[in-house]
Amino acid sequence: MYYIKKTIEVAGAHQLSLDYPSKCCSLHGHNWIITIYCKAKELDKNGMVVDFSEIKRRIVDALDHKVVNDVLKCNPTAENIARWCCGQITNCYRVDVQETTGNIATYEKDE
């Protein structure tokens, strides 16, 4: 099995919809650190699991300097951002989204 990991930083804003009072219900921003994990039993014709530049293009182009509420069709929590990112990348099986120091959400596909 081959594994790759790509870490990128995305600056963006979001506004959460919560069933309790929270300052996160107001529009605010983060510099999310997103780590994408991919794996494959066989490499593609270029000898790669996934091209690192393709990962960056798909995630950064979609989320960087955007209002994430306009991109995701769900409540844009760190957990949902992680799940969304995983769905954008071929062979991705796990995504970590660090929203702030010490606050990390992970999505991992069931195999």
PDB file of N, CA and C in Angstrom:
ATOM      1  N   MET A   1       0.842  -1.176   0.000  1.00  0.00           N
ATOM      2  CA  MET A   1       0.000   0.000   0.000  1.00  0.00           C
ATOM      3  C   MET A   1       0.892   1.245   0.000  1.00  0.00           C
ATOM      4  N   TYR A   2       0.513   2.231  -0.806  1.00  0.00           N
ATOM      5  CA  TYR A   2       1.218   3.506  -0.870  1.00  0.00           C
ATOM      6  C   TYR A   2       0.384   4.567  -0.148  1.00  0.00           C
ATOM      7  N   TYR A   3       1.053   5.448   0.564  1.00  0.00           N
ATOM      8  CA  TYR A   3       0.378   6.505   1.309  1.00  0.00           C
ATOM      9  C   TYR A   3       1.019   7.849   1.002  1.00  0.00           C
ATOM     10  N   ILE A   4       0.197   8.885   0.934  1.00  0.00           N
ATOM     11  CA  ILE A   4       0.702  10.257   0.867  1.00  0.00           C
ATOM     12  C   ILE A   4      -0.078  11.115   1.855  1.00  0.00           C
ATOM     13  N   LYS A   5       0.533  12.228   2.213  1.00  0.00           N
ATOM     14  CA  LYS A   5      -0.106  13.191   3.105  1.00  0.00           C
ATOM     15  C   LYS A   5       0.243  14.581   2.593  1.00  0.00           C
ATOM     16  N   LYS A   6      -0.748  15.445   2.481  1.00  0.00           N
ATOM     17  CA  LYS A   6      -0.552  16.823   2.010  1.00  0.00           C
ATOM     18  C   LYS A   6      -1.199  17.765   3.013  1.00  0.00           C
ATOM     19  N   THR A   7      -0.429  18.731   3.501  1.00  0.00           N
ATOM     20  CA  THR A   7      -0.958  19.724   4.428  1.00  0.00           C
ATOM     21  C   THR A   7      -1.000  21.076   3.728  1.00  0.00           C
ATOM     22  N   ILE A   8      -2.151  21.735   3.838  1.00  0.00           N
ATOM     23  CA  ILE A   8      -2.343  23.039   3.216  1.00  0.00           C
ATOM     24  C   ILE A   8      -2.999  23.976   4.230  1.00  0.00           C
ATOM     25  N   GLU A   9      -2.864  25.262   4.004  1.00  0.00           N
ATOM     26  CA  GLU A   9      -3.529  26.248   4.851  1.00  0.00           C
ATOM     27  C   GLU A   9      -4.531  27.015   4.000  1.00  0.00           C
ATOM     28  N   VAL A  10      -5.720  27.179   4.555  1.00  0.00           N
ATOM     29  CA  VAL A  10      -6.808  27.844   3.854  1.00  0.00           C
ATOM     30  C   VAL A  10      -7.363  28.939   4.766  1.00  0.00           C
ATOM     31  N   ALA A  11      -7.405  30.158   4.269  1.00  0.00           N
ATOM     32  CA  ALA A  11      -8.021  31.261   5.005  1.00  0.00           C
ATOM     33  C   ALA A  11      -9.443  31.431   4.487  1.00  0.00           C
ATOM     34  N   GLY A  12     -10.387  31.457   5.405  1.00  0.00           N
ATOM     35  CA  GLY A  12     -11.762  31.615   4.982  1.00  0.00           C
ATOM     36  C   GLY A  12     -12.647  32.019   6.145  1.00  0.00           C
ATOM     37  N   ALA A  13     -13.911  32.197   5.847  1.00  0.00           N
ATOM     38  CA  ALA A  13     -14.888  32.573   6.857  1.00  0.00           C
ATOM     39  C   ALA A  13     -16.030  31.579   6.845  1.00  0.00           C
ATOM     40  N   HIS A  14     -16.695  31.474   7.980  1.00  0.00           N
ATOM     41  CA  HIS A  14     -17.909  30.675   8.053  1.00  0.00           C
ATOM     42  C   HIS A  14     -18.776  31.193   9.181  1.00  0.00           C
ATOM     43  N   GLN A  15     -20.010  30.754   9.151  1.00  0.00           N
ATOM     44  CA  GLN A  15     -20.997  31.112  10.163  1.00  0.00           C
ATOM     45  C   GLN A  15     -21.759  29.842  10.469  1.00  0.00           C
ATOM     46  N   LEU A  16     -21.709  29.406  11.725  1.00  0.00           N
ATOM     47  CA  LEU A  16     -22.356  28.156  12.091  1.00  0.00           C
ATOM     48  C   LEU A  16     -23.813  28.381  12.476  1.00  0.00           C
ATOM     49  N   SER A  17     -24.605  27.385  12.216  1.00  0.00           N
ATOM     50  CA  SER A  17     -26.002  27.359  12.640  1.00  0.00           C
ATOM     51  C   SER A  17     -26.089  26.353  13.782  1.00  0.00           C
ATOM     52  N   LEU A  18     -26.279  26.854  15.005  1.00  0.00           N
ATOM     53  CA  LEU A  18     -26.265  25.999  16.193  1.00  0.00           C
ATOM     54  C   LEU A  18     -27.577  26.134  16.956  1.00  0.00           C
ATOM     55  N   ASP A  19     -27.918  25.124  17.729  1.00  0.00           N
ATOM     56  CA  ASP A  19     -29.156  25.166  18.503  1.00  0.00           C
ATOM     57  C   ASP A  19     -28.919  25.681  19.927  1.00  0.00           C
ATOM     58  N   TYR A  20     -27.828  26.403  20.117  1.00  0.00           N
ATOM     59  CA  TYR A  20     -27.514  27.032  21.399  1.00  0.00           C
ATOM     60  C   TYR A  20     -26.766  28.335  21.110  1.00  0.00           C
ATOM     61  N   PRO A  21     -26.807  29.288  22.031  1.00  0.00           N
ATOM     62  CA  PRO A  21     -26.108  30.557  21.805  1.00  0.00           C
ATOM     63  C   PRO A  21     -24.591  30.346  21.721  1.00  0.00           C
ATOM     64  N   SER A  22     -23.973  30.951  20.722  1.00  0.00           N
ATOM     65  CA  SER A  22     -22.538  30.834  20.538  1.00  0.00           C
ATOM     66  C   SER A  22     -22.052  31.976  19.661  1.00  0.00           C
ATOM     67  N   LYS A  23     -20.851  32.477  19.970  1.00  0.00           N
ATOM     68  CA  LYS A  23     -20.272  33.510  19.111  1.00  0.00           C
ATOM     69  C   LYS A  23     -19.967  32.965  17.720  1.00  0.00           C
ATOM     70  N   CYS A  24     -19.905  31.635  17.580  1.00  0.00           N
ATOM     71  CA  CYS A  24     -19.637  31.024  16.271  1.00  0.00           C
ATOM     72  C   CYS A  24     -20.826  31.146  15.314  1.00  0.00           C
ATOM     73  N   CYS A  25     -21.973  31.613  15.830  1.00  0.00           N
ATOM     74  CA  CYS A  25     -23.127  31.844  14.963  1.00  0.00           C
ATOM     75  C   CYS A  25     -22.981  33.141  14.165  1.00  0.00           C
ATOM     76  N   SER A  26     -22.012  33.962  14.543  1.00  0.00           N
ATOM     77  CA  SER A  26     -21.686  35.164  13.778  1.00  0.00           C
ATOM     78  C   SER A  26     -20.622  34.813  12.740  1.00  0.00           C
ATOM     79  N   LEU A  27     -20.652  35.525  11.630  1.00  0.00           N
ATOM     80  CA  LEU A  27     -19.636  35.310  10.598  1.00  0.00           C
ATOM     81  C   LEU A  27     -18.257  35.613  11.190  1.00  0.00           C
ATOM     82  N   HIS A  28     -17.323  34.680  11.023  1.00  0.00           N
ATOM     83  CA  HIS A  28     -15.965  34.833  11.541  1.00  0.00           C
ATOM     84  C   HIS A  28     -15.014  34.026  10.673  1.00  0.00           C
ATOM     85  N   GLY A  29     -13.725  34.243  10.862  1.00  0.00           N
ATOM     86  CA  GLY A  29     -12.756  33.586   9.992  1.00  0.00           C
ATOM     87  C   GLY A  29     -11.750  32.730  10.732  1.00  0.00           C
ATOM     88  N   HIS A  30     -11.093  31.871   9.966  1.00  0.00           N
ATOM     89  CA  HIS A  30     -10.040  30.986  10.462  1.00  0.00           C
ATOM     90  C   HIS A  30      -8.967  30.854   9.394  1.00  0.00           C
ATOM     91  N   ASN A  31      -7.791  30.479   9.830  1.00  0.00           N
ATOM     92  CA  ASN A  31      -6.760  29.960   8.947  1.00  0.00           C
ATOM     93  C   ASN A  31      -6.709  28.464   9.236  1.00  0.00           C
ATOM     94  N   TRP A  32      -7.538  27.706   8.527  1.00  0.00           N
ATOM     95  CA  TRP A  32      -7.610  26.265   8.736  1.00  0.00           C
ATOM     96  C   TRP A  32      -6.354  25.602   8.196  1.00  0.00           C
ATOM     97  N   ILE A  33      -5.830  24.666   8.938  1.00  0.00           N
ATOM     98  CA  ILE A  33      -4.742  23.816   8.453  1.00  0.00           C
ATOM     99  C   ILE A  33      -5.382  22.465   8.158  1.00  0.00           C
ATOM    100  N   ILE A  34      -5.364  22.106   6.903  1.00  0.00           N
ATOM    101  CA  ILE A  34      -6.056  20.906   6.427  1.00  0.00           C
ATOM    102  C   ILE A  34      -5.019  19.894   5.964  1.00  0.00           C
ATOM    103  N   THR A  35      -5.102  18.698   6.518  1.00  0.00           N
ATOM    104  CA  THR A  35      -4.190  17.624   6.129  1.00  0.00           C
ATOM    105  C   THR A  35      -4.993  16.533   5.445  1.00  0.00           C
ATOM    106  N   ILE A  36      -4.600  16.223   4.223  1.00  0.00           N
ATOM    107  CA  ILE A  36      -5.266  15.240   3.378  1.00  0.00           C
ATOM    108  C   ILE A  36      -4.417  13.974   3.357  1.00  0.00           C
ATOM    109  N   TYR A  37      -5.033  12.833   3.615  1.00  0.00           N
ATOM    110  CA  TYR A  37      -4.352  11.532   3.594  1.00  0.00           C
ATOM    111  C   TYR A  37      -4.959  10.686   2.467  1.00  0.00           C
ATOM    112  N   CYS A  38      -4.109  10.143   1.604  1.00  0.00           N
ATOM    113  CA  CYS A  38      -4.568   9.306   0.504  1.00  0.00           C
ATOM    114  C   CYS A  38      -3.758   8.014   0.478  1.00  0.00           C
ATOM    115  N   LYS A  39      -4.365   6.973  -0.097  1.00  0.00           N
ATOM    116  CA  LYS A  39      -3.655   5.705  -0.227  1.00  0.00           C
ATOM    117  C   LYS A  39      -4.129   4.984  -1.480  1.00  0.00           C
ATOM    118  N   ALA A  40      -3.257   4.091  -1.966  1.00  0.00           N
ATOM    119  CA  ALA A  40      -3.602   3.283  -3.134  1.00  0.00           C
ATOM    120  C   ALA A  40      -2.739   2.021  -3.134  1.00  0.00           C
ATOM    121  N   LYS A  41      -3.345   0.943  -3.586  1.00  0.00           N
ATOM    122  CA  LYS A  41      -2.587  -0.305  -3.723  1.00  0.00           C
ATOM    123  C   LYS A  41      -1.646  -0.237  -4.904  1.00  0.00           C
ATOM    124  N   GLU A  42      -2.064   0.481  -5.931  1.00  0.00           N
ATOM    125  CA  GLU A  42      -1.258   0.632  -7.148  1.00  0.00           C
ATOM    126  C   GLU A  42      -1.100   2.112  -7.456  1.00  0.00           C
ATOM    127  N   LEU A  43       0.035   2.490  -7.980  1.00  0.00           N
ATOM    128  CA  LEU A  43       0.264   3.864  -8.395  1.00  0.00           C
ATOM    129  C   LEU A  43      -0.361   4.113  -9.757  1.00  0.00           C
ATOM    130  N   ASP A  44      -0.699   5.358 -10.037  1.00  0.00           N
ATOM    131  CA  ASP A  44      -1.262   5.679 -11.346  1.00  0.00           C
ATOM    132  C   ASP A  44      -0.167   5.639 -12.410  1.00  0.00           C
ATOM    133  N   LYS A  45      -0.513   5.952 -13.639  1.00  0.00           N
ATOM    134  CA  LYS A  45       0.445   5.857 -14.746  1.00  0.00           C
ATOM    135  C   LYS A  45       1.622   6.809 -14.589  1.00  0.00           C
ATOM    136  N   ASN A  46       1.483   7.813 -13.721  1.00  0.00           N
ATOM    137  CA  ASN A  46       2.577   8.743 -13.461  1.00  0.00           C
ATOM    138  C   ASN A  46       3.398   8.365 -12.230  1.00  0.00           C
ATOM    139  N   GLY A  47       3.063   7.226 -11.627  1.00  0.00           N
ATOM    140  CA  GLY A  47       3.787   6.772 -10.455  1.00  0.00           C
ATOM    141  C   GLY A  47       3.362   7.465  -9.167  1.00  0.00           C
ATOM    142  N   MET A  48       2.084   7.900  -9.113  1.00  0.00           N
ATOM    143  CA  MET A  48       1.595   8.650  -7.960  1.00  0.00           C
ATOM    144  C   MET A  48       0.329   8.023  -7.383  1.00  0.00           C
ATOM    145  N   VAL A  49       0.099   8.288  -6.096  1.00  0.00           N
ATOM    146  CA  VAL A  49      -1.197   7.982  -5.477  1.00  0.00           C
ATOM    147  C   VAL A  49      -2.183   9.046  -5.950  1.00  0.00           C
ATOM    148  N   VAL A  50      -1.833  10.289  -5.727  1.00  0.00           N
ATOM    149  CA  VAL A  50      -2.550  11.475  -6.220  1.00  0.00           C
ATOM    150  C   VAL A  50      -1.499  12.566  -6.358  1.00  0.00           C
ATOM    151  N   ASP A  51      -1.594  13.359  -7.391  1.00  0.00           N
ATOM    152  CA  ASP A  51      -0.666  14.471  -7.578  1.00  0.00           C
ATOM    153  C   ASP A  51      -0.901  15.506  -6.474  1.00  0.00           C
ATOM    154  N   PHE A  52       0.151  15.889  -5.758  1.00  0.00           N
ATOM    155  CA  PHE A  52       0.022  16.871  -4.684  1.00  0.00           C
ATOM    156  C   PHE A  52      -0.593  18.180  -5.182  1.00  0.00           C
ATOM    157  N   SER A  53      -0.239  18.589  -6.396  1.00  0.00           N
ATOM    158  CA  SER A  53      -0.787  19.844  -6.933  1.00  0.00           C
ATOM    159  C   SER A  53      -2.281  19.739  -7.192  1.00  0.00           C
ATOM    160  N   GLU A  54      -2.772  18.542  -7.503  1.00  0.00           N
ATOM    161  CA  GLU A  54      -4.207  18.338  -7.699  1.00  0.00           C
ATOM    162  C   GLU A  54      -4.962  18.487  -6.380  1.00  0.00           C
ATOM    163  N   ILE A  55      -4.378  17.984  -5.312  1.00  0.00           N
ATOM    164  CA  ILE A  55      -4.995  18.136  -3.990  1.00  0.00           C
ATOM    165  C   ILE A  55      -5.096  19.621  -3.649  1.00  0.00           C
ATOM    166  N   LYS A  56      -3.995  20.321  -3.815  1.00  0.00           N
ATOM    167  CA  LYS A  56      -3.985  21.759  -3.513  1.00  0.00           C
ATOM    168  C   LYS A  56      -5.007  22.499  -4.368  1.00  0.00           C
ATOM    169  N   ARG A  57      -5.047  22.207  -5.644  1.00  0.00           N
ATOM    170  CA  ARG A  57      -5.972  22.901  -6.541  1.00  0.00           C
ATOM    171  C   ARG A  57      -7.419  22.684  -6.112  1.00  0.00           C
ATOM    172  N   ARG A  58      -7.785  21.450  -5.837  1.00  0.00           N
ATOM    173  CA  ARG A  58      -9.179  21.144  -5.501  1.00  0.00           C
ATOM    174  C   ARG A  58      -9.629  21.760  -4.187  1.00  0.00           C
ATOM    175  N   ILE A  59      -8.757  21.819  -3.201  1.00  0.00           N
ATOM    176  CA  ILE A  59      -9.148  22.329  -1.893  1.00  0.00           C
ATOM    177  C   ILE A  59      -8.934  23.840  -1.798  1.00  0.00           C
ATOM    178  N   VAL A  60      -7.760  24.306  -2.142  1.00  0.00           N
ATOM    179  CA  VAL A  60      -7.460  25.730  -2.024  1.00  0.00           C
ATOM    180  C   VAL A  60      -8.342  26.549  -2.955  1.00  0.00           C
ATOM    181  N   ASP A  61      -8.458  26.138  -4.209  1.00  0.00           N
ATOM    182  CA  ASP A  61      -9.282  26.902  -5.146  1.00  0.00           C
ATOM    183  C   ASP A  61     -10.734  27.001  -4.686  1.00  0.00           C
ATOM    184  N   ALA A  62     -11.222  25.966  -4.031  1.00  0.00           N
ATOM    185  CA  ALA A  62     -12.620  25.950  -3.600  1.00  0.00           C
ATOM    186  C   ALA A  62     -12.860  26.731  -2.311  1.00  0.00           C
ATOM    187  N   LEU A  63     -11.898  26.706  -1.373  1.00  0.00           N
ATOM    188  CA  LEU A  63     -12.153  27.241  -0.039  1.00  0.00           C
ATOM    189  C   LEU A  63     -11.381  28.510   0.327  1.00  0.00           C
ATOM    190  N   ASP A  64     -10.207  28.727  -0.246  1.00  0.00           N
ATOM    191  CA  ASP A  64      -9.350  29.820   0.212  1.00  0.00           C
ATOM    192  C   ASP A  64      -9.963  31.186  -0.091  1.00  0.00           C
ATOM    193  N   HIS A  65     -10.025  32.024   0.944  1.00  0.00           N
ATOM    194  CA  HIS A  65     -10.586  33.370   0.863  1.00  0.00           C
ATOM    195  C   HIS A  65     -12.039  33.357   0.394  1.00  0.00           C
ATOM    196  N   LYS A  66     -12.760  32.346   0.847  1.00  0.00           N
ATOM    197  CA  LYS A  66     -14.182  32.214   0.527  1.00  0.00           C
ATOM    198  C   LYS A  66     -14.999  32.190   1.820  1.00  0.00           C
ATOM    199  N   VAL A  67     -16.287  32.426   1.675  1.00  0.00           N
ATOM    200  CA  VAL A  67     -17.229  32.147   2.756  1.00  0.00           C
ATOM    201  C   VAL A  67     -17.626  30.688   2.567  1.00  0.00           C
ATOM    202  N   VAL A  68     -17.200  29.837   3.475  1.00  0.00           N
ATOM    203  CA  VAL A  68     -17.359  28.391   3.316  1.00  0.00           C
ATOM    204  C   VAL A  68     -18.838  28.002   3.278  1.00  0.00           C
ATOM    205  N   ASN A  69     -19.713  28.788   3.891  1.00  0.00           N
ATOM    206  CA  ASN A  69     -21.152  28.533   3.815  1.00  0.00           C
ATOM    207  C   ASN A  69     -21.630  28.524   2.364  1.00  0.00           C
ATOM    208  N   ASP A  70     -20.966  29.280   1.501  1.00  0.00           N
ATOM    209  CA  ASP A  70     -21.354  29.333   0.087  1.00  0.00           C
ATOM    210  C   ASP A  70     -20.859  28.124  -0.700  1.00  0.00           C
ATOM    211  N   VAL A  71     -19.941  27.361  -0.139  1.00  0.00           N
ATOM    212  CA  VAL A  71     -19.352  26.207  -0.830  1.00  0.00           C
ATOM    213  C   VAL A  71     -19.994  24.904  -0.368  1.00  0.00           C
ATOM    214  N   LEU A  72     -20.068  24.705   0.928  1.00  0.00           N
ATOM    215  CA  LEU A  72     -20.650  23.476   1.475  1.00  0.00           C
ATOM    216  C   LEU A  72     -22.167  23.616   1.546  1.00  0.00           C
ATOM    217  N   LYS A  73     -22.857  22.532   1.335  1.00  0.00           N
ATOM    218  CA  LYS A  73     -24.315  22.533   1.391  1.00  0.00           C
ATOM    219  C   LYS A  73     -24.808  22.045   2.749  1.00  0.00           C
ATOM    220  N   CYS A  74     -23.978  22.210   3.783  1.00  0.00           N
ATOM    221  CA  CYS A  74     -24.321  21.786   5.135  1.00  0.00           C
ATOM    222  C   CYS A  74     -23.719  22.791   6.111  1.00  0.00           C
ATOM    223  N   ASN A  75     -23.986  22.624   7.394  1.00  0.00           N
ATOM    224  CA  ASN A  75     -23.416  23.486   8.417  1.00  0.00           C
ATOM    225  C   ASN A  75     -21.888  23.343   8.368  1.00  0.00           C
ATOM    226  N   PRO A  76     -21.154  24.410   8.093  1.00  0.00           N
ATOM    227  CA  PRO A  76     -19.712  24.295   7.822  1.00  0.00           C
ATOM    228  C   PRO A  76     -18.850  24.187   9.091  1.00  0.00           C
ATOM    229  N   THR A  77     -19.122  23.185   9.893  1.00  0.00           N
ATOM    230  CA  THR A  77     -18.278  22.886  11.047  1.00  0.00           C
ATOM    231  C   THR A  77     -16.953  22.310  10.548  1.00  0.00           C
ATOM    232  N   ALA A  78     -15.965  22.265  11.415  1.00  0.00           N
ATOM    233  CA  ALA A  78     -14.689  21.652  11.037  1.00  0.00           C
ATOM    234  C   ALA A  78     -14.895  20.201  10.627  1.00  0.00           C
ATOM    235  N   GLU A  79     -15.816  19.503  11.315  1.00  0.00           N
ATOM    236  CA  GLU A  79     -16.103  18.106  10.984  1.00  0.00           C
ATOM    237  C   GLU A  79     -16.669  17.976   9.569  1.00  0.00           C
ATOM    238  N   ASN A  80     -17.608  18.868   9.217  1.00  0.00           N
ATOM    239  CA  ASN A  80     -18.194  18.813   7.880  1.00  0.00           C
ATOM    240  C   ASN A  80     -17.223  19.276   6.804  1.00  0.00           C
ATOM    241  N   ILE A  81     -16.350  20.215   7.133  1.00  0.00           N
ATOM    242  CA  ILE A  81     -15.318  20.622   6.174  1.00  0.00           C
ATOM    243  C   ILE A  81     -14.397  19.444   5.891  1.00  0.00           C
ATOM    244  N   ALA A  82     -14.032  18.698   6.926  1.00  0.00           N
ATOM    245  CA  ALA A  82     -13.175  17.522   6.740  1.00  0.00           C
ATOM    246  C   ALA A  82     -13.848  16.494   5.835  1.00  0.00           C
ATOM    247  N   ARG A  83     -15.123  16.219   6.068  1.00  0.00           N
ATOM    248  CA  ARG A  83     -15.850  15.247   5.233  1.00  0.00           C
ATOM    249  C   ARG A  83     -15.939  15.734   3.795  1.00  0.00           C
ATOM    250  N   TRP A  84     -16.230  17.015   3.604  1.00  0.00           N
ATOM    251  CA  TRP A  84     -16.330  17.574   2.256  1.00  0.00           C
ATOM    252  C   TRP A  84     -14.995  17.444   1.519  1.00  0.00           C
ATOM    253  N   CYS A  85     -13.903  17.810   2.192  1.00  0.00           N
ATOM    254  CA  CYS A  85     -12.570  17.718   1.565  1.00  0.00           C
ATOM    255  C   CYS A  85     -12.270  16.290   1.142  1.00  0.00           C
ATOM    256  N   CYS A  86     -12.604  15.340   1.979  1.00  0.00           N
ATOM    257  CA  CYS A  86     -12.345  13.927   1.665  1.00  0.00           C
ATOM    258  C   CYS A  86     -13.042  13.519   0.369  1.00  0.00           C
ATOM    259  N   GLY A  87     -14.236  14.028   0.175  1.00  0.00           N
ATOM    260  CA  GLY A  87     -14.993  13.702  -1.031  1.00  0.00           C
ATOM    261  C   GLY A  87     -14.475  14.345  -2.299  1.00  0.00           C
ATOM    262  N   GLN A  88     -13.586  15.322  -2.175  1.00  0.00           N
ATOM    263  CA  GLN A  88     -13.065  16.035  -3.346  1.00  0.00           C
ATOM    264  C   GLN A  88     -11.835  15.391  -3.964  1.00  0.00           C
ATOM    265  N   ILE A  89     -11.195  14.463  -3.232  1.00  0.00           N
ATOM    266  CA  ILE A  89      -9.898  13.948  -3.643  1.00  0.00           C
ATOM    267  C   ILE A  89      -9.947  12.441  -3.868  1.00  0.00           C
ATOM    268  N   THR A  90      -9.500  11.992  -5.030  1.00  0.00           N
ATOM    269  CA  THR A  90      -9.398  10.574  -5.339  1.00  0.00           C
ATOM    270  C   THR A  90      -8.462   9.900  -4.350  1.00  0.00           C
ATOM    271  N   ASN A  91      -8.832   8.719  -3.905  1.00  0.00           N
ATOM    272  CA  ASN A  91      -8.026   7.895  -2.990  1.00  0.00           C
ATOM    273  C   ASN A  91      -7.879   8.484  -1.593  1.00  0.00           C
ATOM    274  N   CYS A  92      -8.622   9.545  -1.270  1.00  0.00           N
ATOM    275  CA  CYS A  92      -8.547  10.117   0.066  1.00  0.00           C
ATOM    276  C   CYS A  92      -9.318   9.235   1.039  1.00  0.00           C
ATOM    277  N   TYR A  93      -8.717   8.979   2.195  1.00  0.00           N
ATOM    278  CA  TYR A  93      -9.396   8.166   3.201  1.00  0.00           C
ATOM    279  C   TYR A  93      -9.505   8.887   4.547  1.00  0.00           C
ATOM    280  N   ARG A  94      -8.782   9.998   4.713  1.00  0.00           N
ATOM    281  CA  ARG A  94      -8.816  10.721   5.981  1.00  0.00           C
ATOM    282  C   ARG A  94      -8.461  12.182   5.747  1.00  0.00           C
ATOM    283  N   VAL A  95      -9.124  13.058   6.518  1.00  0.00           N
ATOM    284  CA  VAL A  95      -8.802  14.485   6.488  1.00  0.00           C
ATOM    285  C   VAL A  95      -8.832  15.006   7.919  1.00  0.00           C
ATOM    286  N   ASP A  96      -7.799  15.776   8.279  1.00  0.00           N
ATOM    287  CA  ASP A  96      -7.767  16.503   9.544  1.00  0.00           C
ATOM    288  C   ASP A  96      -7.948  17.982   9.232  1.00  0.00           C
ATOM    289  N   VAL A  97      -8.815  18.635   9.996  1.00  0.00           N
ATOM    290  CA  VAL A  97      -9.011  20.078   9.861  1.00  0.00           C
ATOM    291  C   VAL A  97      -8.700  20.709  11.209  1.00  0.00           C
ATOM    292  N   GLN A  98      -7.609  21.464  11.255  1.00  0.00           N
ATOM    293  CA  GLN A  98      -7.250  22.193  12.470  1.00  0.00           C
ATOM    294  C   GLN A  98      -7.810  23.599  12.349  1.00  0.00           C
ATOM    295  N   GLU A  99      -8.768  23.891  13.215  1.00  0.00           N
ATOM    296  CA  GLU A  99      -9.442  25.184  13.164  1.00  0.00           C
ATOM    297  C   GLU A  99      -8.674  26.232  13.973  1.00  0.00           C
ATOM    298  N   THR A 100      -8.203  25.837  15.136  1.00  0.00           N
ATOM    299  CA  THR A 100      -7.372  26.668  15.991  1.00  0.00           C
ATOM    300  C   THR A 100      -6.373  25.736  16.672  1.00  0.00           C
ATOM    301  N   THR A 101      -5.394  26.306  17.324  1.00  0.00           N
ATOM    302  CA  THR A 101      -4.438  25.479  18.057  1.00  0.00           C
ATOM    303  C   THR A 101      -5.197  24.618  19.071  1.00  0.00           C
ATOM    304  N   GLY A 102      -5.034  23.338  18.986  1.00  0.00           N
ATOM    305  CA  GLY A 102      -5.692  22.425  19.920  1.00  0.00           C
ATOM    306  C   GLY A 102      -7.071  21.965  19.512  1.00  0.00           C
ATOM    307  N   ASN A 103      -7.654  22.528  18.448  1.00  0.00           N
ATOM    308  CA  ASN A 103      -8.982  22.120  17.986  1.00  0.00           C
ATOM    309  C   ASN A 103      -8.880  21.515  16.590  1.00  0.00           C
ATOM    310  N   ILE A 104      -8.939  20.195  16.542  1.00  0.00           N
ATOM    311  CA  ILE A 104      -8.789  19.464  15.285  1.00  0.00           C
ATOM    312  C   ILE A 104      -9.961  18.500  15.127  1.00  0.00           C
ATOM    313  N   ALA A 105     -10.566  18.526  13.946  1.00  0.00           N
ATOM    314  CA  ALA A 105     -11.610  17.567  13.608  1.00  0.00           C
ATOM    315  C   ALA A 105     -11.067  16.626  12.549  1.00  0.00           C
ATOM    316  N   THR A 106     -11.402  15.352  12.662  1.00  0.00           N
ATOM    317  CA  THR A 106     -10.943  14.335  11.705  1.00  0.00           C
ATOM    318  C   THR A 106     -12.138  13.622  11.113  1.00  0.00           C
ATOM    319  N   TYR A 107     -12.100  13.438   9.801  1.00  0.00           N
ATOM    320  CA  TYR A 107     -13.063  12.582   9.115  1.00  0.00           C
ATOM    321  C   TYR A 107     -12.266  11.447   8.504  1.00  0.00           C
ATOM    322  N   GLU A 108     -12.725  10.223   8.707  1.00  0.00           N
ATOM    323  CA  GLU A 108     -12.081   9.051   8.109  1.00  0.00           C
ATOM    324  C   GLU A 108     -13.162   8.177   7.503  1.00  0.00           C
ATOM    325  N   LYS A 109     -12.957   7.811   6.232  1.00  0.00           N
ATOM    326  CA  LYS A 109     -13.909   6.935   5.545  1.00  0.00           C
ATOM    327  C   LYS A 109     -13.912   5.550   6.161  1.00  0.00           C
ATOM    328  N   ASP A 110     -15.087   4.977   6.265  1.00  0.00           N
ATOM    329  CA  ASP A 110     -15.181   3.559   6.661  1.00  0.00           C
ATOM    330  C   ASP A 110     -14.741   2.724   5.469  1.00  0.00           C
ATOM    331  N   GLU A 111     -13.985   1.717   5.721  1.00  0.00           N
ATOM    332  CA  GLU A 111     -13.506   0.850   4.620  1.00  0.00           C
ATOM    333  C   GLU A 111     -14.396  -0.344   4.474  1.00  0.00           C
TER     334      GLU A 111
END
